Amino acid sequence: TVIIKCSHAISSYNTILWYQQSIADTNLKLIGFVFYKNPTIEDQFKEHFEIRGDGEIEASLQLLSDPENSAVYYCAASKTQ
Protein backbone atom coordinates (compact mmCIF):
# COMPACT_ATOMS: atom_id res chain seq x y z
CA THR A 1 0.00 0.00 0.00
CA VAL A 2 1.25 3.46 -0.90
CA ILE A 3 0.15 6.46 1.16
CA ILE A 4 1.23 10.00 0.27
CA LYS A 5 0.82 12.74 2.88
CA CYS A 6 0.47 16.47 2.42
CA SER A 7 0.30 19.18 5.07
CA HIS A 8 0.19 22.96 5.32
CA ALA A 9 0.31 25.62 8.02
CA ILE A 10 -1.90 28.33 6.53
CA SER A 11 -4.57 28.93 9.15
CA SER A 12 -7.23 30.27 6.75
CA TYR A 13 -6.96 27.31 4.32
CA ASN A 14 -9.51 24.52 4.71
CA THR A 15 -9.08 22.29 1.65
CA ILE A 16 -6.35 19.99 0.36
CA LEU A 17 -6.67 18.85 -3.24
CA TRP A 18 -4.96 15.89 -4.92
CA TYR A 19 -3.96 15.72 -8.59
CA GLN A 20 -2.53 13.01 -10.84
CA GLN A 21 -0.21 13.55 -13.82
CA SER A 22 0.18 10.32 -15.74
CA ILE A 23 2.93 9.46 -18.20
CA ALA A 24 0.47 9.06 -21.09
CA ASP A 25 -1.43 12.29 -20.39
CA THR A 26 0.51 15.17 -18.84
CA ASN A 27 -2.62 17.17 -18.00
CA LEU A 28 -3.30 17.37 -14.27
CA LYS A 29 -6.41 15.41 -13.33
CA LEU A 30 -8.23 16.17 -10.10
CA ILE A 31 -8.42 12.98 -8.05
CA GLY A 32 -10.33 14.58 -5.20
CA PHE A 33 -10.03 16.77 -2.16
CA VAL A 34 -10.75 16.99 1.54
CA PHE A 35 -12.78 20.03 2.66
CA TYR A 36 -12.37 20.32 6.42
CA LYS A 37 -12.83 16.62 7.32
CA ASN A 38 -15.07 15.73 4.36
CA PRO A 39 -13.32 13.86 1.54
CA THR A 40 -14.63 13.81 -2.03
CA ILE A 41 -13.21 11.61 -4.79
CA GLU A 42 -14.00 12.09 -8.48
CA ASP A 43 -16.04 9.18 -9.89
CA GLN A 44 -13.32 7.92 -12.24
CA PHE A 45 -10.89 7.55 -9.31
CA LYS A 46 -13.14 6.07 -6.60
CA GLU A 47 -11.96 2.50 -7.14
CA HIS A 48 -8.27 3.44 -7.18
CA PHE A 49 -7.79 5.93 -4.33
CA GLU A 50 -8.84 6.85 -0.81
CA ILE A 51 -8.49 10.33 0.67
CA ARG A 52 -8.44 11.00 4.40
CA GLY A 53 -7.54 13.82 6.71
CA ASP A 54 -8.39 17.38 7.59
CA GLY A 55 -8.14 20.11 4.97
CA GLU A 56 -7.09 22.59 7.64
CA ILE A 57 -3.93 20.62 8.51
CA GLU A 58 -3.01 17.40 6.71
CA ALA A 59 -4.43 14.91 4.22
CA SER A 60 -3.36 11.56 2.84
CA LEU A 61 -3.87 9.92 -0.53
CA GLN A 62 -3.86 6.13 -0.50
CA LEU A 63 -3.19 4.36 -3.78
CA LEU A 64 -5.06 1.09 -3.89
CA SER A 65 -2.85 -1.46 -5.63
CA ASP A 66 -3.27 -0.89 -9.34
CA PRO A 67 -0.37 -0.66 -11.81
CA GLU A 68 -2.26 2.06 -13.75
CA ASN A 69 -1.59 4.42 -10.82
CA SER A 70 2.05 4.92 -11.84
CA ALA A 71 2.18 8.72 -12.14
CA VAL A 72 3.29 11.93 -10.49
CA TYR A 73 1.00 13.16 -7.71
CA TYR A 74 0.54 16.71 -6.50
CA CYS A 75 -1.31 18.25 -3.61
CA ALA A 76 -2.44 21.83 -3.22
CA ALA A 77 -3.91 23.70 -0.26
CA SER A 78 -6.72 26.18 -0.78
CA LYS A 79 -9.27 28.35 0.97
CA THR A 80 -12.76 27.27 -0.09
CA GLN A 81 -15.91 29.18 0.75
C-alpha atoms as a PDB file:
ATOM      1  CA  THR A   1       0.000   0.000   0.000  1.00  0.00           C
ATOM      2  CA  VAL A   2       1.254   3.460  -0.905  1.00  0.00           C
ATOM      3  CA  ILE A   3       0.147   6.458   1.164  1.00  0.00           C
ATOM      4  CA  ILE A   4       1.228  10.004   0.274  1.00  0.00           C
ATOM      5  CA  LYS A   5       0.822  12.743   2.875  1.00  0.00           C
ATOM      6  CA  CYS A   6       0.470  16.467   2.425  1.00  0.00           C
ATOM      7  CA  SER A   7       0.297  19.177   5.068  1.00  0.00           C
ATOM      8  CA  HIS A   8       0.187  22.958   5.318  1.00  0.00           C
ATOM      9  CA  ALA A   9       0.307  25.615   8.021  1.00  0.00           C
ATOM     10  CA  ILE A  10      -1.898  28.333   6.527  1.00  0.00           C
ATOM     11  CA  SER A  11      -4.570  28.926   9.149  1.00  0.00           C
ATOM     12  CA  SER A  12      -7.227  30.269   6.752  1.00  0.00           C
ATOM     13  CA  TYR A  13      -6.960  27.312   4.315  1.00  0.00           C
ATOM     14  CA  ASN A  14      -9.509  24.515   4.713  1.00  0.00           C
ATOM     15  CA  THR A  15      -9.076  22.295   1.655  1.00  0.00           C
ATOM     16  CA  ILE A  16      -6.353  19.988   0.362  1.00  0.00           C
ATOM     17  CA  LEU A  17      -6.670  18.853  -3.245  1.00  0.00           C
ATOM     18  CA  TRP A  18      -4.959  15.890  -4.916  1.00  0.00           C
ATOM     19  CA  TYR A  19      -3.956  15.719  -8.594  1.00  0.00           C
ATOM     20  CA  GLN A  20      -2.532  13.015 -10.842  1.00  0.00           C
ATOM     21  CA  GLN A  21      -0.213  13.551 -13.816  1.00  0.00           C
ATOM     22  CA  SER A  22       0.180  10.317 -15.742  1.00  0.00           C
ATOM     23  CA  ILE A  23       2.928   9.455 -18.202  1.00  0.00           C
ATOM     24  CA  ALA A  24       0.472   9.059 -21.087  1.00  0.00           C
ATOM     25  CA  ASP A  25      -1.429  12.289 -20.386  1.00  0.00           C
ATOM     26  CA  THR A  26       0.511  15.165 -18.839  1.00  0.00           C
ATOM     27  CA  ASN A  27      -2.623  17.174 -17.996  1.00  0.00           C
ATOM     28  CA  LEU A  28      -3.297  17.374 -14.269  1.00  0.00           C
ATOM     29  CA  LYS A  29      -6.406  15.412 -13.329  1.00  0.00           C
ATOM     30  CA  LEU A  30      -8.230  16.169 -10.097  1.00  0.00           C
ATOM     31  CA  ILE A  31      -8.424  12.975  -8.047  1.00  0.00           C
ATOM     32  CA  GLY A  32     -10.330  14.575  -5.203  1.00  0.00           C
ATOM     33  CA  PHE A  33     -10.029  16.767  -2.158  1.00  0.00           C
ATOM     34  CA  VAL A  34     -10.752  16.994   1.538  1.00  0.00           C
ATOM     35  CA  PHE A  35     -12.776  20.033   2.665  1.00  0.00           C
ATOM     36  CA  TYR A  36     -12.373  20.322   6.422  1.00  0.00           C
ATOM     37  CA  LYS A  37     -12.830  16.619   7.319  1.00  0.00           C
ATOM     38  CA  ASN A  38     -15.074  15.730   4.360  1.00  0.00           C
ATOM     39  CA  PRO A  39     -13.315  13.856   1.544  1.00  0.00           C
ATOM     40  CA  THR A  40     -14.627  13.809  -2.025  1.00  0.00           C
ATOM     41  CA  ILE A  41     -13.208  11.605  -4.792  1.00  0.00           C
ATOM     42  CA  GLU A  42     -13.998  12.087  -8.476  1.00  0.00           C
ATOM     43  CA  ASP A  43     -16.043   9.185  -9.887  1.00  0.00           C
ATOM     44  CA  GLN A  44     -13.320   7.917 -12.242  1.00  0.00           C
ATOM     45  CA  PHE A  45     -10.888   7.552  -9.308  1.00  0.00           C
ATOM     46  CA  LYS A  46     -13.141   6.074  -6.599  1.00  0.00           C
ATOM     47  CA  GLU A  47     -11.960   2.496  -7.137  1.00  0.00           C
ATOM     48  CA  HIS A  48      -8.274   3.441  -7.177  1.00  0.00           C
ATOM     49  CA  PHE A  49      -7.793   5.934  -4.331  1.00  0.00           C
ATOM     50  CA  GLU A  50      -8.841   6.847  -0.814  1.00  0.00           C
ATOM     51  CA  ILE A  51      -8.491  10.328   0.669  1.00  0.00           C
ATOM     52  CA  ARG A  52      -8.441  11.004   4.398  1.00  0.00           C
ATOM     53  CA  GLY A  53      -7.540  13.825   6.712  1.00  0.00           C
ATOM     54  CA  ASP A  54      -8.393  17.385   7.593  1.00  0.00           C
ATOM     55  CA  GLY A  55      -8.143  20.108   4.966  1.00  0.00           C
ATOM     56  CA  GLU A  56      -7.092  22.587   7.644  1.00  0.00           C
ATOM     57  CA  ILE A  57      -3.927  20.620   8.506  1.00  0.00           C
ATOM     58  CA  GLU A  58      -3.014  17.402   6.709  1.00  0.00           C
ATOM     59  CA  ALA A  59      -4.429  14.914   4.215  1.00  0.00           C
ATOM     60  CA  SER A  60      -3.365  11.560   2.836  1.00  0.00           C
ATOM     61  CA  LEU A  61      -3.867   9.919  -0.529  1.00  0.00           C
ATOM     62  CA  GLN A  62      -3.859   6.132  -0.496  1.00  0.00           C
ATOM     63  CA  LEU A  63      -3.191   4.364  -3.775  1.00  0.00           C
ATOM     64  CA  LEU A  64      -5.062   1.095  -3.887  1.00  0.00           C
ATOM     65  CA  SER A  65      -2.854  -1.461  -5.627  1.00  0.00           C
ATOM     66  CA  ASP A  66      -3.269  -0.893  -9.340  1.00  0.00           C
ATOM     67  CA  PRO A  67      -0.372  -0.656 -11.812  1.00  0.00           C
ATOM     68  CA  GLU A  68      -2.257   2.056 -13.749  1.00  0.00           C
ATOM     69  CA  ASN A  69      -1.590   4.418 -10.820  1.00  0.00           C
ATOM     70  CA  SER A  70       2.046   4.920 -11.843  1.00  0.00           C
ATOM     71  CA  ALA A  71       2.183   8.716 -12.136  1.00  0.00           C
ATOM     72  CA  VAL A  72       3.294  11.933 -10.492  1.00  0.00           C
ATOM     73  CA  TYR A  73       1.002  13.156  -7.712  1.00  0.00           C
ATOM     74  CA  TYR A  74       0.535  16.715  -6.504  1.00  0.00           C
ATOM     75  CA  CYS A  75      -1.309  18.247  -3.615  1.00  0.00           C
ATOM     76  CA  ALA A  76      -2.439  21.827  -3.218  1.00  0.00           C
ATOM     77  CA  ALA A  77      -3.905  23.703  -0.264  1.00  0.00           C
ATOM     78  CA  SER A  78      -6.720  26.178  -0.781  1.00  0.00           C
ATOM     79  CA  LYS A  79      -9.267  28.350   0.967  1.00  0.00           C
ATOM     80  CA  THR A  80     -12.757  27.274  -0.090  1.00  0.00           C
ATOM     81  CA  GLN A  81     -15.908  29.177   0.754  1.00  0.00           C
END
